[in-house]
C-alpha atoms as a PDB file:
ATOM      1  CA  MET A   1      -7.378  15.108  18.619  1.00  0.00           C
ATOM      2  CA  LEU A   2      -7.052  13.521  15.143  1.00  0.00           C
ATOM      3  CA  GLY A   3      -3.569  14.966  14.673  1.00  0.00           C
ATOM      4  CA  SER A   4      -2.278  14.059  18.142  1.00  0.00           C
ATOM      5  CA  PHE A   5       0.659  11.709  18.573  1.00  0.00           C
ATOM      6  CA  PRO A   6      -1.248   9.000  20.524  1.00  0.00           C
ATOM      7  CA  PHE A   7      -3.976   8.918  17.875  1.00  0.00           C
ATOM      8  CA  ALA A   8      -1.343   8.748  15.110  1.00  0.00           C
ATOM      9  CA  VAL A   9       0.219   5.739  16.894  1.00  0.00           C
ATOM     10  CA  PHE A  10      -3.204   4.089  17.105  1.00  0.00           C
ATOM     11  CA  VAL A  11      -3.867   4.685  13.393  1.00  0.00           C
ATOM     12  CA  GLY A  12      -0.377   3.356  12.549  1.00  0.00           C
ATOM     13  CA  ILE A  13      -0.974   0.167  14.534  1.00  0.00           C
ATOM     14  CA  LEU A  14      -4.411  -0.320  12.975  1.00  0.00           C
ATOM     15  CA  LEU A  15      -3.140   0.230   9.431  1.00  0.00           C
ATOM     16  CA  GLY A  16      -0.131  -2.023  10.067  1.00  0.00           C
ATOM     17  CA  TYR A  17      -2.480  -4.749  11.253  1.00  0.00           C
ATOM     18  CA  LEU A  18      -4.658  -4.347   8.164  1.00  0.00           C
ATOM     19  CA  ALA A  19      -1.582  -4.373   5.908  1.00  0.00           C
ATOM     20  CA  GLY A  20      -0.445  -7.601   7.563  1.00  0.00           C
ATOM     21  CA  LEU A  21      -3.806  -9.135   6.719  1.00  0.00           C
ATOM     22  CA  GLY A  22      -3.491  -7.948   3.123  1.00  0.00           C
ATOM     23  CA  VAL A  23      -6.450  -5.578   3.349  1.00  0.00           C
ATOM     24  CA  GLY A  24      -4.654  -2.557   1.867  1.00  0.00           C
ATOM     25  CA  GLY A  25      -3.434  -0.535   4.797  1.00  0.00           C
ATOM     26  CA  GLY A  26      -1.301   1.596   2.470  1.00  0.00           C
ATOM     27  CA  SER A  27      -4.294   2.840   0.499  1.00  0.00           C
ATOM     28  CA  LEU A  28      -6.055   3.697   3.727  1.00  0.00           C
ATOM     29  CA  LEU A  29      -2.902   5.448   4.950  1.00  0.00           C
ATOM     30  CA  ILE A  30      -2.855   7.729   1.898  1.00  0.00           C
ATOM     31  CA  LEU A  31      -6.516   8.591   2.452  1.00  0.00           C
ATOM     32  CA  TRP A  32      -5.839   9.291   6.139  1.00  0.00           C
ATOM     33  CA  LEU A  33      -2.835  11.485   5.414  1.00  0.00           C
ATOM     34  CA  THR A  34      -4.403  13.525   2.630  1.00  0.00           C
ATOM     35  CA  LEU A  35      -8.024  13.847   3.776  1.00  0.00           C
ATOM     36  CA  VAL A  36      -7.649  14.034   7.559  1.00  0.00           C
ATOM     37  CA  LEU A  37      -4.164  15.413   8.147  1.00  0.00           C
ATOM     38  CA  HIS A  38      -4.009  17.465   4.897  1.00  0.00           C
ATOM     39  CA  VAL A  39      -0.531  16.204   4.021  1.00  0.00           C
ATOM     40  CA  PRO A  40       0.514  17.083   0.443  1.00  0.00           C
ATOM     41  CA  SER A  41       0.008  14.229  -2.017  1.00  0.00           C
ATOM     42  CA  GLN A  42       3.705  13.753  -2.815  1.00  0.00           C
ATOM     43  CA  VAL A  43       4.630  13.551   0.872  1.00  0.00           C
ATOM     44  CA  ALA A  44       1.762  11.112   1.505  1.00  0.00           C
ATOM     45  CA  ARG A  45       3.025   8.854  -1.297  1.00  0.00           C
ATOM     46  CA  LEU A  46       6.544   8.897   0.166  1.00  0.00           C
ATOM     47  CA  ILE A  47       5.254   8.027   3.638  1.00  0.00           C
ATOM     48  CA  ASN A  48       3.105   5.276   2.105  1.00  0.00           C
ATOM     49  CA  LEU A  49       6.134   3.836   0.312  1.00  0.00           C
ATOM     50  CA  MET A  50       8.119   3.712   3.566  1.00  0.00           C
ATOM     51  CA  PHE A  51       5.115   2.130   5.304  1.00  0.00           C
ATOM     52  CA  PHE A  52       4.674  -0.457   2.558  1.00  0.00           C
ATOM     53  CA  ILE A  53       8.345  -1.460   2.420  1.00  0.00           C
ATOM     54  CA  THR A  54       8.447  -1.877   6.197  1.00  0.00           C
ATOM     55  CA  ALA A  55       5.170  -3.835   6.356  1.00  0.00           C
ATOM     56  CA  ALA A  56       6.032  -6.031   3.361  1.00  0.00           C
ATOM     57  CA  GLY A  57       9.479  -6.758   4.749  1.00  0.00           C
ATOM     58  CA  ALA A  58       8.141  -7.740   8.164  1.00  0.00           C
ATOM     59  CA  VAL A  59       5.383  -9.933   6.735  1.00  0.00           C
ATOM     60  CA  SER A  60       7.833 -11.569   4.319  1.00  0.00           C
ATOM     61  CA  ILE A  61      10.223 -12.465   7.142  1.00  0.00           C
ATOM     62  CA  PHE A  62       7.409 -13.995   9.206  1.00  0.00           C
ATOM     63  CA  ARG A  63       6.074 -15.981   6.234  1.00  0.00           C
ATOM     64  CA  TRP A  64       9.585 -17.160   5.326  1.00  0.00           C
ATOM     65  CA  LYS A  65      10.168 -18.379   8.910  1.00  0.00           C
ATOM     66  CA  GLN A  66       6.842 -20.255   8.751  1.00  0.00           C
ATOM     67  CA  GLY A  67       8.019 -21.962   5.577  1.00  0.00           C
ATOM     68  CA  SER A  68       5.158 -20.638   3.466  1.00  0.00           C
ATOM     69  CA  LEU A  69       7.334 -18.267   1.429  1.00  0.00           C
ATOM     70  CA  LYS A  70       9.842 -19.595  -1.071  1.00  0.00           C
ATOM     71  CA  LEU A  71      12.404 -16.954  -2.017  1.00  0.00           C
ATOM     72  CA  LYS A  72      13.210 -18.681  -5.299  1.00  0.00           C
ATOM     73  CA  LYS A  73       9.591 -18.289  -6.412  1.00  0.00           C
ATOM     74  CA  ILE A  74       9.127 -14.658  -5.404  1.00  0.00           C
ATOM     75  CA  LEU A  75      12.531 -13.243  -6.379  1.00  0.00           C
ATOM     76  CA  PRO A  76      11.411 -12.504  -9.984  1.00  0.00           C
ATOM     77  CA  ALA A  77       8.405 -10.595  -8.621  1.00  0.00           C
ATOM     78  CA  ILE A  78      10.614  -8.627  -6.228  1.00  0.00           C
ATOM     79  CA  ILE A  79      13.018  -7.622  -8.995  1.00  0.00           C
ATOM     80  CA  THR A  80      10.406  -6.726 -11.611  1.00  0.00           C
ATOM     81  CA  GLY A  81       8.198  -5.006  -9.033  1.00  0.00           C
ATOM     82  CA  SER A  82      11.123  -2.858  -7.894  1.00  0.00           C
ATOM     83  CA  ILE A  83      11.963  -1.885 -11.469  1.00  0.00           C
ATOM     84  CA  ALA A  84       8.305  -1.076 -12.229  1.00  0.00           C
ATOM     85  CA  ALA A  85       7.981   0.967  -9.015  1.00  0.00           C
ATOM     86  CA  ALA A  86      11.071   3.019  -9.883  1.00  0.00           C
ATOM     87  CA  PHE A  87       9.891   3.551 -13.468  1.00  0.00           C
ATOM     88  CA  PHE A  88       6.369   4.620 -12.556  1.00  0.00           C
ATOM     89  CA  SER A  89       7.642   6.827  -9.730  1.00  0.00           C
ATOM     90  CA  TRP A  90       9.771   8.585 -12.315  1.00  0.00           C
ATOM     91  CA  ILE A  91       6.702   9.014 -14.539  1.00  0.00           C
ATOM     92  CA  GLY A  92       4.627  10.167 -11.568  1.00  0.00           C
ATOM     93  CA  LEU A  93       7.052  12.996 -10.862  1.00  0.00           C
ATOM     94  CA  ARG A  94       6.429  14.333 -14.354  1.00  0.00           C
ATOM     95  CA  LEU A  95       2.615  14.222 -14.245  1.00  0.00           C
ATOM     96  CA  ASP A  96       0.295  16.873 -12.872  1.00  0.00           C
ATOM     97  CA  ALA A  97      -0.640  16.273  -9.218  1.00  0.00           C
ATOM     98  CA  GLY A  98      -4.345  16.769 -10.003  1.00  0.00           C
ATOM     99  CA  LEU A  99      -4.228  14.088 -12.684  1.00  0.00           C
ATOM    100  CA  LEU A 100      -2.445  11.697 -10.310  1.00  0.00           C
ATOM    101  CA  LYS A 101      -5.117  12.243  -7.662  1.00  0.00           C
ATOM    102  CA  LYS A 102      -7.875  11.470 -10.167  1.00  0.00           C
ATOM    103  CA  LEU A 103      -6.091   8.367 -11.477  1.00  0.00           C
ATOM    104  CA  PHE A 104      -5.500   7.132  -7.926  1.00  0.00           C
ATOM    105  CA  GLY A 105      -9.164   7.732  -7.059  1.00  0.00           C
ATOM    106  CA  ILE A 106     -10.241   5.709 -10.086  1.00  0.00           C
ATOM    107  CA  LEU A 107      -7.842   2.923  -9.067  1.00  0.00           C
ATOM    108  CA  LEU A 108      -9.311   2.874  -5.555  1.00  0.00           C
ATOM    109  CA  LEU A 109     -12.862   2.751  -6.912  1.00  0.00           C
ATOM    110  CA  PHE A 110     -12.081  -0.163  -9.259  1.00  0.00           C
ATOM    111  CA  THR A 111     -10.224  -1.986  -6.480  1.00  0.00           C
ATOM    112  CA  GLY A 112     -13.138  -1.488  -4.086  1.00  0.00           C
ATOM    113  CA  VAL A 113     -15.682  -2.738  -6.611  1.00  0.00           C
ATOM    114  CA  ARG A 114     -13.498  -5.753  -7.416  1.00  0.00           C
ATOM    115  CA  GLU A 115     -13.196  -6.615  -3.728  1.00  0.00           C
ATOM    116  CA  LEU A 116     -16.952  -6.325  -3.239  1.00  0.00           C
ATOM    117  CA  LEU A 117     -17.694  -8.575  -6.216  1.00  0.00           C
ATOM    118  CA  TYR A 118     -14.847 -11.071  -5.733  1.00  0.00           C
ATOM    119  CA  ARG A 119     -15.820 -14.729  -5.428  1.00  0.00           C
ATOM    120  CA  PRO A 120     -13.196 -17.412  -4.822  1.00  0.00           C
ATOM    121  CA  ARG A 121     -12.941 -20.052  -7.515  1.00  0.00           C
ATOM    122  CA  ASN A 122     -13.163 -23.748  -6.795  1.00  0.00           C
ATOM    123  CA  CYS A 123      -9.856 -25.236  -7.903  1.00  0.00           C
ATOM    124  CA  LYS A 124     -10.426 -28.981  -8.202  1.00  0.00           C
END
């Protein structure tokens, strides 16, 4: 049931929706792939990258059409983020998979705690 095609489509739609809201659908996708479907970690990261690029591209186009996204302002982030992603992917290929899993788990824990404790600031 959990590995069936219709259920995979449902999970993909749900995670795409969450990614569009900025909730972190990619992190949930990695957990789904590795813990439920037992996909190897490297394959899960590749699938997550394809998911993220697709979701980010779609959301960016919609925001740009709404006028709330200024390409001139985000272009430096796109360029430096792409360079950093390539660099750290290269480093990740040279690290032990067990260490990467532990580091990613720590990152998820810190992110979860930060989200639970986050309070918006009043900017007046």
